[in-house]
């Protein structure tokens, strides 16, 4: 089946505390976004790549591509006012009507190629494939009375991306009106009454959000270079 990957990078990265949005910050010698796009291209060079950015960032991104000699083939699409709208714009830009699409956070450059491949295989069979990882820490649920209660962590998972779907189904799901409970693509899909299928993610697949995440990202890059 034909494959596409929508890499969404519409955030302003205010928690990073700097003037440049987090997706453009360099790790391992090039911007985070370039690492992310490269992983999907390496999994399948024939995969259609769609990069969703704020319209105002287009010229800055293009200058970065020239600076770093980034020449992977991809389609650049303007994002919306929310992640939901940005993903919907990305879905409308997919050039084919039947196939599979992975939706991925641009600031998750350490997704495993095996996870990407597995997500496409599972989505082809069941309609969806959502990457998740187990919790390591104990968790508690906060109550309205300022108290808290223990929760059994084996019943919970941390949700990552990619979130991969059969294209026709996820496009139909995104025809709905945007709702506050749509925290990711899986919740939009689930809103149609469809069950989401979970797959194992990889723990290194962090969402780079804070300066501490940047330090960990540099460590992961250095470890990867040593392994090579």
C-alpha atoms as a PDB file:
ATOM      1  CA  UNK A   1       0.000   0.000   0.000  1.00  0.00           C
ATOM      2  CA  UNK A   2       1.078   3.580  -0.569  1.00  0.00           C
ATOM      3  CA  UNK A   3       2.497   5.287   2.497  1.00  0.00           C
ATOM      4  CA  UNK A   4       2.681   8.892   3.670  1.00  0.00           C
ATOM      5  CA  UNK A   5       4.020  10.528   6.820  1.00  0.00           C
ATOM      6  CA  UNK A   6       2.704  13.842   8.108  1.00  0.00           C
ATOM      7  CA  UNK A   7       5.266  15.517  10.365  1.00  0.00           C
ATOM      8  CA  UNK A   8       3.550  18.211  12.414  1.00  0.00           C
ATOM      9  CA  UNK A   9       5.674  21.038  13.803  1.00  0.00           C
ATOM     10  CA  UNK A  10       3.397  23.968  14.492  1.00  0.00           C
ATOM     11  CA  UNK A  11       4.423  24.731  18.070  1.00  0.00           C
ATOM     12  CA  UNK A  12       6.174  27.867  19.257  1.00  0.00           C
ATOM     13  CA  UNK A  13       8.129  26.093  21.978  1.00  0.00           C
ATOM     14  CA  UNK A  14       7.553  28.623  24.756  1.00  0.00           C
ATOM     15  CA  UNK A  15       8.727  26.167  27.409  1.00  0.00           C
ATOM     16  CA  UNK A  16      12.162  26.126  25.808  1.00  0.00           C
ATOM     17  CA  UNK A  17      12.616  29.753  26.814  1.00  0.00           C
ATOM     18  CA  UNK A  18      14.369  30.958  23.646  1.00  0.00           C
ATOM     19  CA  UNK A  19      13.479  33.067  20.598  1.00  0.00           C
ATOM     20  CA  UNK A  20      13.622  30.112  18.174  1.00  0.00           C
ATOM     21  CA  UNK A  21      10.906  27.457  18.089  1.00  0.00           C
ATOM     22  CA  UNK A  22      12.111  24.107  19.404  1.00  0.00           C
ATOM     23  CA  UNK A  23      11.705  22.245  16.099  1.00  0.00           C
ATOM     24  CA  UNK A  24      14.450  24.395  14.539  1.00  0.00           C
ATOM     25  CA  UNK A  25      17.008  24.032  17.321  1.00  0.00           C
ATOM     26  CA  UNK A  26      20.095  21.998  16.392  1.00  0.00           C
ATOM     27  CA  UNK A  27      21.051  18.665  17.923  1.00  0.00           C
ATOM     28  CA  UNK A  28      23.947  16.637  16.610  1.00  0.00           C
ATOM     29  CA  UNK A  29      24.792  19.375  14.130  1.00  0.00           C
ATOM     30  CA  UNK A  30      21.409  19.950  12.453  1.00  0.00           C
ATOM     31  CA  UNK A  31      17.871  21.044  13.358  1.00  0.00           C
ATOM     32  CA  UNK A  32      15.590  18.600  15.154  1.00  0.00           C
ATOM     33  CA  UNK A  33      13.094  18.547  12.278  1.00  0.00           C
ATOM     34  CA  UNK A  34      15.705  17.324   9.823  1.00  0.00           C
ATOM     35  CA  UNK A  35      16.504  14.328  12.032  1.00  0.00           C
ATOM     36  CA  UNK A  36      12.789  13.512  12.249  1.00  0.00           C
ATOM     37  CA  UNK A  37      12.136  13.683   8.515  1.00  0.00           C
ATOM     38  CA  UNK A  38      15.270  11.667   7.809  1.00  0.00           C
ATOM     39  CA  UNK A  39      14.113   8.721   9.955  1.00  0.00           C
ATOM     40  CA  UNK A  40      10.924   8.306   7.933  1.00  0.00           C
ATOM     41  CA  UNK A  41      12.780   8.692   4.631  1.00  0.00           C
ATOM     42  CA  UNK A  42      15.271   6.001   5.624  1.00  0.00           C
ATOM     43  CA  UNK A  43      12.479   3.573   6.524  1.00  0.00           C
ATOM     44  CA  UNK A  44      11.005   3.900   3.034  1.00  0.00           C
ATOM     45  CA  UNK A  45      12.453   6.384   0.501  1.00  0.00           C
ATOM     46  CA  UNK A  46       9.262   6.097  -1.563  1.00  0.00           C
ATOM     47  CA  UNK A  47       7.143   7.318   1.345  1.00  0.00           C
ATOM     48  CA  UNK A  48       5.436  10.661   0.731  1.00  0.00           C
ATOM     49  CA  UNK A  49       6.632  13.161   3.341  1.00  0.00           C
ATOM     50  CA  UNK A  50       4.454  16.115   4.329  1.00  0.00           C
ATOM     51  CA  UNK A  51       5.835  18.756   6.669  1.00  0.00           C
ATOM     52  CA  UNK A  52       3.305  21.007   8.392  1.00  0.00           C
ATOM     53  CA  UNK A  53       4.717  24.323   9.618  1.00  0.00           C
ATOM     54  CA  UNK A  54       3.292  27.738  10.499  1.00  0.00           C
ATOM     55  CA  UNK A  55       2.993  29.768   7.300  1.00  0.00           C
ATOM     56  CA  UNK A  56       5.142  32.513   8.818  1.00  0.00           C
ATOM     57  CA  UNK A  57       8.020  30.052   9.291  1.00  0.00           C
ATOM     58  CA  UNK A  58       8.313  28.955   5.666  1.00  0.00           C
ATOM     59  CA  UNK A  59      11.093  31.337   4.696  1.00  0.00           C
ATOM     60  CA  UNK A  60      13.063  30.632   7.868  1.00  0.00           C
ATOM     61  CA  UNK A  61      12.798  26.873   7.327  1.00  0.00           C
ATOM     62  CA  UNK A  62      13.877  27.212   3.711  1.00  0.00           C
ATOM     63  CA  UNK A  63      16.919  29.203   4.826  1.00  0.00           C
ATOM     64  CA  UNK A  64      17.803  26.417   7.261  1.00  0.00           C
ATOM     65  CA  UNK A  65      17.514  23.842   4.473  1.00  0.00           C
ATOM     66  CA  UNK A  66      19.982  25.835   2.379  1.00  0.00           C
ATOM     67  CA  UNK A  67      22.328  26.311   5.329  1.00  0.00           C
ATOM     68  CA  UNK A  68      22.438  22.596   6.187  1.00  0.00           C
ATOM     69  CA  UNK A  69      22.133  21.246   2.634  1.00  0.00           C
ATOM     70  CA  UNK A  70      18.879  19.455   3.446  1.00  0.00           C
ATOM     71  CA  UNK A  71      17.487  18.072   0.192  1.00  0.00           C
ATOM     72  CA  UNK A  72      15.083  15.265   1.119  1.00  0.00           C
ATOM     73  CA  UNK A  73      11.890  15.355  -0.980  1.00  0.00           C
ATOM     74  CA  UNK A  74       8.863  16.559   0.990  1.00  0.00           C
ATOM     75  CA  UNK A  75       5.761  18.710   0.607  1.00  0.00           C
ATOM     76  CA  UNK A  76       5.508  21.850   2.766  1.00  0.00           C
ATOM     77  CA  UNK A  77       2.020  22.642   4.086  1.00  0.00           C
ATOM     78  CA  UNK A  78       0.748  25.541   6.192  1.00  0.00           C
ATOM     79  CA  UNK A  79      -0.554  24.614   9.625  1.00  0.00           C
ATOM     80  CA  UNK A  80      -3.717  25.848  11.301  1.00  0.00           C
ATOM     81  CA  UNK A  81      -4.533  27.444  14.636  1.00  0.00           C
ATOM     82  CA  UNK A  82      -4.449  24.092  16.455  1.00  0.00           C
ATOM     83  CA  UNK A  83      -2.835  20.700  16.070  1.00  0.00           C
ATOM     84  CA  UNK A  84      -6.177  19.317  14.883  1.00  0.00           C
ATOM     85  CA  UNK A  85      -6.355  21.877  12.090  1.00  0.00           C
ATOM     86  CA  UNK A  86      -2.697  21.351  11.179  1.00  0.00           C
ATOM     87  CA  UNK A  87      -3.149  17.593  10.856  1.00  0.00           C
ATOM     88  CA  UNK A  88      -6.297  18.098   8.799  1.00  0.00           C
ATOM     89  CA  UNK A  89      -4.350  20.359   6.429  1.00  0.00           C
ATOM     90  CA  UNK A  90      -1.675  17.690   6.180  1.00  0.00           C
ATOM     91  CA  UNK A  91      -4.214  14.981   5.394  1.00  0.00           C
ATOM     92  CA  UNK A  92      -5.700  17.086   2.610  1.00  0.00           C
ATOM     93  CA  UNK A  93      -2.234  17.360   1.060  1.00  0.00           C
ATOM     94  CA  UNK A  94      -1.713  13.588   0.698  1.00  0.00           C
ATOM     95  CA  UNK A  95      -1.570  12.930  -3.045  1.00  0.00           C
ATOM     96  CA  UNK A  96      -3.273   9.520  -3.064  1.00  0.00           C
ATOM     97  CA  UNK A  97      -6.725   8.339  -1.926  1.00  0.00           C
ATOM     98  CA  UNK A  98      -6.047   4.823  -0.635  1.00  0.00           C
ATOM     99  CA  UNK A  99      -3.135   3.814   1.551  1.00  0.00           C
ATOM    100  CA  UNK A 100      -1.609   4.441   4.949  1.00  0.00           C
ATOM    101  CA  UNK A 101      -0.552   7.592   6.755  1.00  0.00           C
ATOM    102  CA  UNK A 102       1.633   8.058   9.822  1.00  0.00           C
ATOM    103  CA  UNK A 103       1.134  11.263  11.834  1.00  0.00           C
ATOM    104  CA  UNK A 104       4.167  12.227  13.870  1.00  0.00           C
ATOM    105  CA  UNK A 105       5.342  15.040  16.139  1.00  0.00           C
ATOM    106  CA  UNK A 106       8.182  16.944  14.512  1.00  0.00           C
ATOM    107  CA  UNK A 107      10.041  17.169  17.819  1.00  0.00           C
ATOM    108  CA  UNK A 108      10.252  13.387  18.264  1.00  0.00           C
ATOM    109  CA  UNK A 109      13.436  12.699  16.259  1.00  0.00           C
ATOM    110  CA  UNK A 110      14.361   9.491  18.090  1.00  0.00           C
ATOM    111  CA  UNK A 111      11.508   7.283  16.954  1.00  0.00           C
ATOM    112  CA  UNK A 112      12.811   3.831  16.096  1.00  0.00           C
ATOM    113  CA  UNK A 113      12.654   2.760  12.435  1.00  0.00           C
ATOM    114  CA  UNK A 114      11.257  -0.556  13.697  1.00  0.00           C
ATOM    115  CA  UNK A 115       8.375   1.270  15.395  1.00  0.00           C
ATOM    116  CA  UNK A 116       7.581   3.149  12.177  1.00  0.00           C
ATOM    117  CA  UNK A 117       7.625  -0.051  10.142  1.00  0.00           C
ATOM    118  CA  UNK A 118       5.490  -1.894  12.693  1.00  0.00           C
ATOM    119  CA  UNK A 119       2.992   0.970  12.768  1.00  0.00           C
ATOM    120  CA  UNK A 120       2.377   0.671   9.029  1.00  0.00           C
ATOM    121  CA  UNK A 121       2.045  -3.101   9.212  1.00  0.00           C
ATOM    122  CA  UNK A 122      -0.452  -2.959  12.075  1.00  0.00           C
ATOM    123  CA  UNK A 123      -2.477  -0.117  10.561  1.00  0.00           C
ATOM    124  CA  UNK A 124      -2.791  -2.031   7.304  1.00  0.00           C
ATOM    125  CA  UNK A 125      -4.296  -4.972   9.217  1.00  0.00           C
ATOM    126  CA  UNK A 126      -6.451  -3.257  11.829  1.00  0.00           C
ATOM    127  CA  UNK A 127      -6.985   0.331  10.684  1.00  0.00           C
ATOM    128  CA  UNK A 128      -4.807   2.057  13.277  1.00  0.00           C
ATOM    129  CA  UNK A 129      -1.542   1.704  15.184  1.00  0.00           C
ATOM    130  CA  UNK A 130      -0.745   3.954  18.149  1.00  0.00           C
ATOM    131  CA  UNK A 131       2.758   3.831  19.646  1.00  0.00           C
ATOM    132  CA  UNK A 132       2.743   3.628  23.459  1.00  0.00           C
ATOM    133  CA  UNK A 133       5.169   2.804  26.271  1.00  0.00           C
ATOM    134  CA  UNK A 134       4.662   1.475  29.781  1.00  0.00           C
ATOM    135  CA  UNK A 135       4.943   3.667  32.861  1.00  0.00           C
ATOM    136  CA  UNK A 136       7.938   3.203  35.136  1.00  0.00           C
ATOM    137  CA  UNK A 137       6.782   5.353  38.052  1.00  0.00           C
ATOM    138  CA  UNK A 138       3.869   4.926  40.410  1.00  0.00           C
ATOM    139  CA  UNK A 139       0.943   7.203  39.626  1.00  0.00           C
ATOM    140  CA  UNK A 140      -1.831   8.863  41.613  1.00  0.00           C
ATOM    141  CA  UNK A 141      -5.113  10.437  40.515  1.00  0.00           C
ATOM    142  CA  UNK A 142      -5.907  13.879  41.915  1.00  0.00           C
ATOM    143  CA  UNK A 143      -9.355  14.284  43.467  1.00  0.00           C
ATOM    144  CA  UNK A 144     -11.631  17.315  43.718  1.00  0.00           C
ATOM    145  CA  UNK A 145     -11.133  17.486  47.495  1.00  0.00           C
ATOM    146  CA  UNK A 146      -7.384  18.129  47.063  1.00  0.00           C
ATOM    147  CA  UNK A 147      -6.668  14.488  47.884  1.00  0.00           C
ATOM    148  CA  UNK A 148      -5.337  11.743  45.655  1.00  0.00           C
ATOM    149  CA  UNK A 149      -5.749   8.016  45.158  1.00  0.00           C
ATOM    150  CA  UNK A 150      -3.379   5.314  43.977  1.00  0.00           C
ATOM    151  CA  UNK A 151      -3.777   3.954  40.445  1.00  0.00           C
ATOM    152  CA  UNK A 152      -2.396   0.664  39.163  1.00  0.00           C
ATOM    153  CA  UNK A 153       0.117   1.667  36.518  1.00  0.00           C
ATOM    154  CA  UNK A 154      -0.200  -1.587  34.548  1.00  0.00           C
ATOM    155  CA  UNK A 155      -3.544  -0.318  33.291  1.00  0.00           C
ATOM    156  CA  UNK A 156      -2.041   2.850  31.793  1.00  0.00           C
ATOM    157  CA  UNK A 157       0.269   3.686  28.903  1.00  0.00           C
ATOM    158  CA  UNK A 158       2.113   6.821  27.787  1.00  0.00           C
ATOM    159  CA  UNK A 159       1.094   7.746  24.253  1.00  0.00           C
ATOM    160  CA  UNK A 160       3.692   8.651  21.637  1.00  0.00           C
ATOM    161  CA  UNK A 161       3.718   9.137  17.900  1.00  0.00           C
ATOM    162  CA  UNK A 162       3.679   7.917  15.180  1.00  0.00           C
ATOM    163  CA  UNK A 163      -0.035   7.312  15.128  1.00  0.00           C
ATOM    164  CA  UNK A 164      -0.663   5.489  11.877  1.00  0.00           C
ATOM    165  CA  UNK A 165      -3.978   4.892  10.127  1.00  0.00           C
ATOM    166  CA  UNK A 166      -5.657   3.724   6.987  1.00  0.00           C
ATOM    167  CA  UNK A 167      -5.950   6.982   5.073  1.00  0.00           C
ATOM    168  CA  UNK A 168      -9.649   6.847   4.218  1.00  0.00           C
ATOM    169  CA  UNK A 169     -10.646   6.242   7.831  1.00  0.00           C
ATOM    170  CA  UNK A 170      -8.546   8.978   9.426  1.00  0.00           C
ATOM    171  CA  UNK A 171      -9.619  11.494   6.770  1.00  0.00           C
ATOM    172  CA  UNK A 172     -13.250  10.682   7.548  1.00  0.00           C
ATOM    173  CA  UNK A 173     -12.515  11.065  11.270  1.00  0.00           C
ATOM    174  CA  UNK A 174     -11.067  14.544  10.719  1.00  0.00           C
ATOM    175  CA  UNK A 175     -14.243  15.697   8.956  1.00  0.00           C
ATOM    176  CA  UNK A 176     -15.820  16.144  12.402  1.00  0.00           C
ATOM    177  CA  UNK A 177     -15.969  19.388  14.368  1.00  0.00           C
ATOM    178  CA  UNK A 178     -12.909  19.936  16.570  1.00  0.00           C
ATOM    179  CA  UNK A 179     -13.564  19.127  20.244  1.00  0.00           C
ATOM    180  CA  UNK A 180     -11.539  19.910  23.402  1.00  0.00           C
ATOM    181  CA  UNK A 181     -10.999  16.199  24.122  1.00  0.00           C
ATOM    182  CA  UNK A 182      -9.065  15.751  20.872  1.00  0.00           C
ATOM    183  CA  UNK A 183      -5.610  15.632  22.465  1.00  0.00           C
ATOM    184  CA  UNK A 184      -4.102  13.553  19.660  1.00  0.00           C
ATOM    185  CA  UNK A 185      -5.046  11.789  16.445  1.00  0.00           C
ATOM    186  CA  UNK A 186      -6.116   8.615  18.253  1.00  0.00           C
ATOM    187  CA  UNK A 187      -8.854  10.498  20.113  1.00  0.00           C
ATOM    188  CA  UNK A 188     -10.180  11.881  16.821  1.00  0.00           C
ATOM    189  CA  UNK A 189     -10.229   8.377  15.338  1.00  0.00           C
ATOM    190  CA  UNK A 190     -11.829   6.954  18.484  1.00  0.00           C
ATOM    191  CA  UNK A 191     -14.583   9.593  18.322  1.00  0.00           C
ATOM    192  CA  UNK A 192     -15.964   7.725  15.300  1.00  0.00           C
ATOM    193  CA  UNK A 193     -16.588   4.691  17.504  1.00  0.00           C
ATOM    194  CA  UNK A 194     -13.541   2.840  16.188  1.00  0.00           C
ATOM    195  CA  UNK A 195     -11.187   0.988  18.527  1.00  0.00           C
ATOM    196  CA  UNK A 196      -7.550   2.095  18.407  1.00  0.00           C
ATOM    197  CA  UNK A 197      -4.859  -0.549  18.211  1.00  0.00           C
ATOM    198  CA  UNK A 198      -1.796  -0.065  20.438  1.00  0.00           C
ATOM    199  CA  UNK A 199       1.752  -1.040  19.497  1.00  0.00           C
ATOM    200  CA  UNK A 200       4.992  -0.868  21.466  1.00  0.00           C
ATOM    201  CA  UNK A 201       6.863   2.403  21.072  1.00  0.00           C
ATOM    202  CA  UNK A 202      10.487   3.020  22.037  1.00  0.00           C
ATOM    203  CA  UNK A 203      11.407   4.810  25.299  1.00  0.00           C
ATOM    204  CA  UNK A 204      13.953   7.101  23.604  1.00  0.00           C
ATOM    205  CA  UNK A 205      11.186   8.577  21.464  1.00  0.00           C
ATOM    206  CA  UNK A 206      10.829  11.642  23.687  1.00  0.00           C
ATOM    207  CA  UNK A 207       8.999  14.811  22.742  1.00  0.00           C
ATOM    208  CA  UNK A 208      11.651  17.521  23.005  1.00  0.00           C
ATOM    209  CA  UNK A 209      10.033  20.311  24.978  1.00  0.00           C
ATOM    210  CA  UNK A 210      12.383  21.681  27.658  1.00  0.00           C
ATOM    211  CA  UNK A 211      16.104  22.555  27.908  1.00  0.00           C
ATOM    212  CA  UNK A 212      16.584  19.326  29.880  1.00  0.00           C
ATOM    213  CA  UNK A 213      15.165  17.411  26.919  1.00  0.00           C
ATOM    214  CA  UNK A 214      17.753  19.067  24.687  1.00  0.00           C
ATOM    215  CA  UNK A 215      20.546  17.826  26.938  1.00  0.00           C
ATOM    216  CA  UNK A 216      19.163  14.292  26.789  1.00  0.00           C
ATOM    217  CA  UNK A 217      18.792  14.567  23.025  1.00  0.00           C
ATOM    218  CA  UNK A 218      22.469  15.456  22.647  1.00  0.00           C
ATOM    219  CA  UNK A 219      23.323  12.405  24.736  1.00  0.00           C
ATOM    220  CA  UNK A 220      21.179  10.159  22.509  1.00  0.00           C
ATOM    221  CA  UNK A 221      22.823  11.599  19.390  1.00  0.00           C
ATOM    222  CA  UNK A 222      26.306  11.021  20.781  1.00  0.00           C
ATOM    223  CA  UNK A 223      25.423   7.458  21.767  1.00  0.00           C
ATOM    224  CA  UNK A 224      24.106   6.786  18.284  1.00  0.00           C
ATOM    225  CA  UNK A 225      27.308   8.104  16.689  1.00  0.00           C
ATOM    226  CA  UNK A 226      29.431   5.888  18.938  1.00  0.00           C
ATOM    227  CA  UNK A 227      27.344   2.854  17.955  1.00  0.00           C
ATOM    228  CA  UNK A 228      27.938   3.637  14.286  1.00  0.00           C
END
